Amino acid sequence: MSSIEITPQDFLKQYDPKNHIVLDVRQDWEIKIAFYDKAQILNAHNFDSWIQASQDYSRIFILCHHGVRSLHAAKMFQDHKVTHVQSIQGGIDALGDLLEPPLAKY
């Protein structure tokens, strides 16, 4: 993986639900406001499980509100030798604008 970040536009072009997974690091209250149905929850309680499951996917995309927490999480995956991971730049705020219908802002 050449870059730890991917634009929302490139993510939408490249995402393959059969081989890729989207992990959402936002808090529950944030997810309730702007729910992205393709994402699974990633938090401190299940981080190790997702590290172990990472080999089941050819690519892992991580999502948060604006892209800061997801970038941090992607770096944590890389620290665990998982290299096929990318943070979605701008988070759900940027991605949500490209979806139909657009997701709620908060």
C-alpha atoms as a PDB file:
ATOM      1  CA  MET A   1       0.000   0.000   0.000  1.00  0.00           C
ATOM      2  CA  SER A   2       1.693   3.188  -1.125  1.00  0.00           C
ATOM      3  CA  SER A   3      -0.253   5.690   0.978  1.00  0.00           C
ATOM      4  CA  ILE A   4      -1.816   5.402   4.403  1.00  0.00           C
ATOM      5  CA  GLU A   5      -4.653   7.711   3.277  1.00  0.00           C
ATOM      6  CA  ILE A   6      -7.194   7.444   0.483  1.00  0.00           C
ATOM      7  CA  THR A   7      -9.571  10.110  -0.797  1.00  0.00           C
ATOM      8  CA  PRO A   8     -13.296   9.453  -0.396  1.00  0.00           C
ATOM      9  CA  GLN A   9     -13.635   9.517  -4.196  1.00  0.00           C
ATOM     10  CA  ASP A  10     -10.968   6.846  -4.653  1.00  0.00           C
ATOM     11  CA  PHE A  11     -12.429   4.796  -1.832  1.00  0.00           C
ATOM     12  CA  LEU A  12     -15.835   4.756  -3.542  1.00  0.00           C
ATOM     13  CA  LYS A  13     -14.233   3.709  -6.839  1.00  0.00           C
ATOM     14  CA  GLN A  14     -12.082   0.963  -5.309  1.00  0.00           C
ATOM     15  CA  TYR A  15     -14.234  -0.468  -2.501  1.00  0.00           C
ATOM     16  CA  ASP A  16     -15.130  -4.127  -3.071  1.00  0.00           C
ATOM     17  CA  PRO A  17     -17.416  -5.490  -0.334  1.00  0.00           C
ATOM     18  CA  LYS A  18     -16.370  -9.073  -1.100  1.00  0.00           C
ATOM     19  CA  ASN A  19     -12.691  -8.464  -0.344  1.00  0.00           C
ATOM     20  CA  HIS A  20     -12.515  -5.235   1.636  1.00  0.00           C
ATOM     21  CA  ILE A  21     -13.801  -4.034   4.989  1.00  0.00           C
ATOM     22  CA  VAL A  22     -14.579  -0.586   6.378  1.00  0.00           C
ATOM     23  CA  LEU A  23     -13.946  -0.062  10.083  1.00  0.00           C
ATOM     24  CA  ASP A  24     -15.517   2.903  11.874  1.00  0.00           C
ATOM     25  CA  VAL A  25     -13.667   4.295  14.911  1.00  0.00           C
ATOM     26  CA  ARG A  26     -16.302   6.874  15.825  1.00  0.00           C
ATOM     27  CA  GLN A  27     -18.198   6.789  19.101  1.00  0.00           C
ATOM     28  CA  ASP A  28     -21.696   5.308  19.251  1.00  0.00           C
ATOM     29  CA  TRP A  29     -23.400   8.707  19.433  1.00  0.00           C
ATOM     30  CA  GLU A  30     -21.587   9.812  16.270  1.00  0.00           C
ATOM     31  CA  ILE A  31     -22.546   6.674  14.391  1.00  0.00           C
ATOM     32  CA  LYS A  32     -26.195   7.221  15.306  1.00  0.00           C
ATOM     33  CA  ILE A  33     -26.113  10.680  13.707  1.00  0.00           C
ATOM     34  CA  ALA A  34     -24.334   9.661  10.483  1.00  0.00           C
ATOM     35  CA  PHE A  35     -24.667   5.887  10.076  1.00  0.00           C
ATOM     36  CA  TYR A  36     -22.627   4.304   7.267  1.00  0.00           C
ATOM     37  CA  ASP A  37     -24.092   0.880   6.590  1.00  0.00           C
ATOM     38  CA  LYS A  38     -20.940  -0.582   5.028  1.00  0.00           C
ATOM     39  CA  ALA A  39     -18.850  -0.074   8.184  1.00  0.00           C
ATOM     40  CA  GLN A  40     -18.125  -2.300  11.152  1.00  0.00           C
ATOM     41  CA  ILE A  41     -17.255  -0.835  14.548  1.00  0.00           C
ATOM     42  CA  LEU A  42     -13.621  -0.675  15.644  1.00  0.00           C
ATOM     43  CA  ASN A  43     -12.894   0.280  19.249  1.00  0.00           C
ATOM     44  CA  ALA A  44     -10.425  -0.474  22.023  1.00  0.00           C
ATOM     45  CA  HIS A  45     -12.420  -3.537  23.067  1.00  0.00           C
ATOM     46  CA  ASN A  46     -12.275  -5.274  19.682  1.00  0.00           C
ATOM     47  CA  PHE A  47      -9.011  -3.892  18.229  1.00  0.00           C
ATOM     48  CA  ASP A  48      -7.069  -7.127  18.762  1.00  0.00           C
ATOM     49  CA  SER A  49      -9.831  -9.148  17.102  1.00  0.00           C
ATOM     50  CA  TRP A  50      -9.709  -6.928  14.016  1.00  0.00           C
ATOM     51  CA  ILE A  51      -5.904  -7.217  13.894  1.00  0.00           C
ATOM     52  CA  GLN A  52      -6.303 -11.009  13.853  1.00  0.00           C
ATOM     53  CA  ALA A  53      -9.094 -10.847  11.255  1.00  0.00           C
ATOM     54  CA  SER A  54      -7.173  -8.435   9.019  1.00  0.00           C
ATOM     55  CA  GLN A  55      -5.718 -11.297   6.994  1.00  0.00           C
ATOM     56  CA  ASP A  56      -9.254 -12.146   5.825  1.00  0.00           C
ATOM     57  CA  TYR A  57      -9.438  -8.938   3.759  1.00  0.00           C
ATOM     58  CA  SER A  58      -7.290  -7.693   0.894  1.00  0.00           C
ATOM     59  CA  ARG A  59      -7.831  -4.087   2.025  1.00  0.00           C
ATOM     60  CA  ILE A  60      -8.982  -2.374   5.198  1.00  0.00           C
ATOM     61  CA  PHE A  61     -10.411   1.139   5.157  1.00  0.00           C
ATOM     62  CA  ILE A  62     -10.782   3.072   8.400  1.00  0.00           C
ATOM     63  CA  LEU A  63     -13.275   5.866   8.927  1.00  0.00           C
ATOM     64  CA  CYS A  64     -13.904   8.528  11.595  1.00  0.00           C
ATOM     65  CA  HIS A  65     -15.472  12.007  11.669  1.00  0.00           C
ATOM     66  CA  HIS A  66     -12.766  14.088   9.938  1.00  0.00           C
ATOM     67  CA  GLY A  67      -9.931  11.616   9.297  1.00  0.00           C
ATOM     68  CA  VAL A  68      -7.708  12.191  12.337  1.00  0.00           C
ATOM     69  CA  ARG A  69      -8.724   9.227  14.510  1.00  0.00           C
ATOM     70  CA  SER A  70      -8.861   6.925  11.500  1.00  0.00           C
ATOM     71  CA  LEU A  71      -5.325   7.924  10.508  1.00  0.00           C
ATOM     72  CA  HIS A  72      -4.155   7.156  14.040  1.00  0.00           C
ATOM     73  CA  ALA A  73      -5.938   3.774  13.920  1.00  0.00           C
ATOM     74  CA  ALA A  74      -4.408   2.967  10.514  1.00  0.00           C
ATOM     75  CA  LYS A  75      -0.951   3.669  11.956  1.00  0.00           C
ATOM     76  CA  MET A  76      -1.754   1.340  14.866  1.00  0.00           C
ATOM     77  CA  PHE A  77      -2.615  -1.409  12.362  1.00  0.00           C
ATOM     78  CA  GLN A  78       0.691  -0.768  10.598  1.00  0.00           C
ATOM     79  CA  ASP A  79       2.480  -1.024  13.943  1.00  0.00           C
ATOM     80  CA  HIS A  80       1.026  -4.554  14.083  1.00  0.00           C
ATOM     81  CA  LYS A  81       2.445  -5.351  10.614  1.00  0.00           C
ATOM     82  CA  VAL A  82      -0.895  -4.881   8.814  1.00  0.00           C
ATOM     83  CA  THR A  83       0.094  -2.942   5.711  1.00  0.00           C
ATOM     84  CA  HIS A  84      -3.077  -3.168   3.585  1.00  0.00           C
ATOM     85  CA  VAL A  85      -4.881  -0.492   5.577  1.00  0.00           C
ATOM     86  CA  GLN A  86      -5.882   3.064   4.650  1.00  0.00           C
ATOM     87  CA  SER A  87      -7.593   5.945   6.407  1.00  0.00           C
ATOM     88  CA  ILE A  88     -10.362   7.695   4.488  1.00  0.00           C
ATOM     89  CA  GLN A  89      -9.318  11.362   4.208  1.00  0.00           C
ATOM     90  CA  GLY A  90     -11.829  13.802   5.656  1.00  0.00           C
ATOM     91  CA  GLY A  91     -13.740  10.982   7.345  1.00  0.00           C
ATOM     92  CA  ILE A  92     -17.498  10.558   7.236  1.00  0.00           C
ATOM     93  CA  ASP A  93     -17.837  14.322   6.864  1.00  0.00           C
ATOM     94  CA  ALA A  94     -16.229  14.186   3.407  1.00  0.00           C
ATOM     95  CA  LEU A  95     -17.484  10.742   2.404  1.00  0.00           C
ATOM     96  CA  GLY A  96     -21.054  11.521   3.445  1.00  0.00           C
ATOM     97  CA  ASP A  97     -21.235  14.385   0.937  1.00  0.00           C
ATOM     98  CA  LEU A  98     -20.615  11.910  -1.904  1.00  0.00           C
ATOM     99  CA  LEU A  99     -23.314   9.436  -0.908  1.00  0.00           C
ATOM    100  CA  GLU A 100     -26.895   9.481  -2.109  1.00  0.00           C
ATOM    101  CA  PRO A 101     -28.610  10.601  -0.011  1.00  0.00           C
ATOM    102  CA  PRO A 102     -25.851  12.559   1.745  1.00  0.00           C
ATOM    103  CA  LEU A 103     -25.262  11.670   5.402  1.00  0.00           C
ATOM    104  CA  ALA A 104     -26.138  14.063   8.219  1.00  0.00           C
ATOM    105  CA  LYS A 105     -23.475  16.496   9.402  1.00  0.00           C
ATOM    106  CA  TYR A 106     -22.545  16.975  13.036  1.00  0.00           C
END
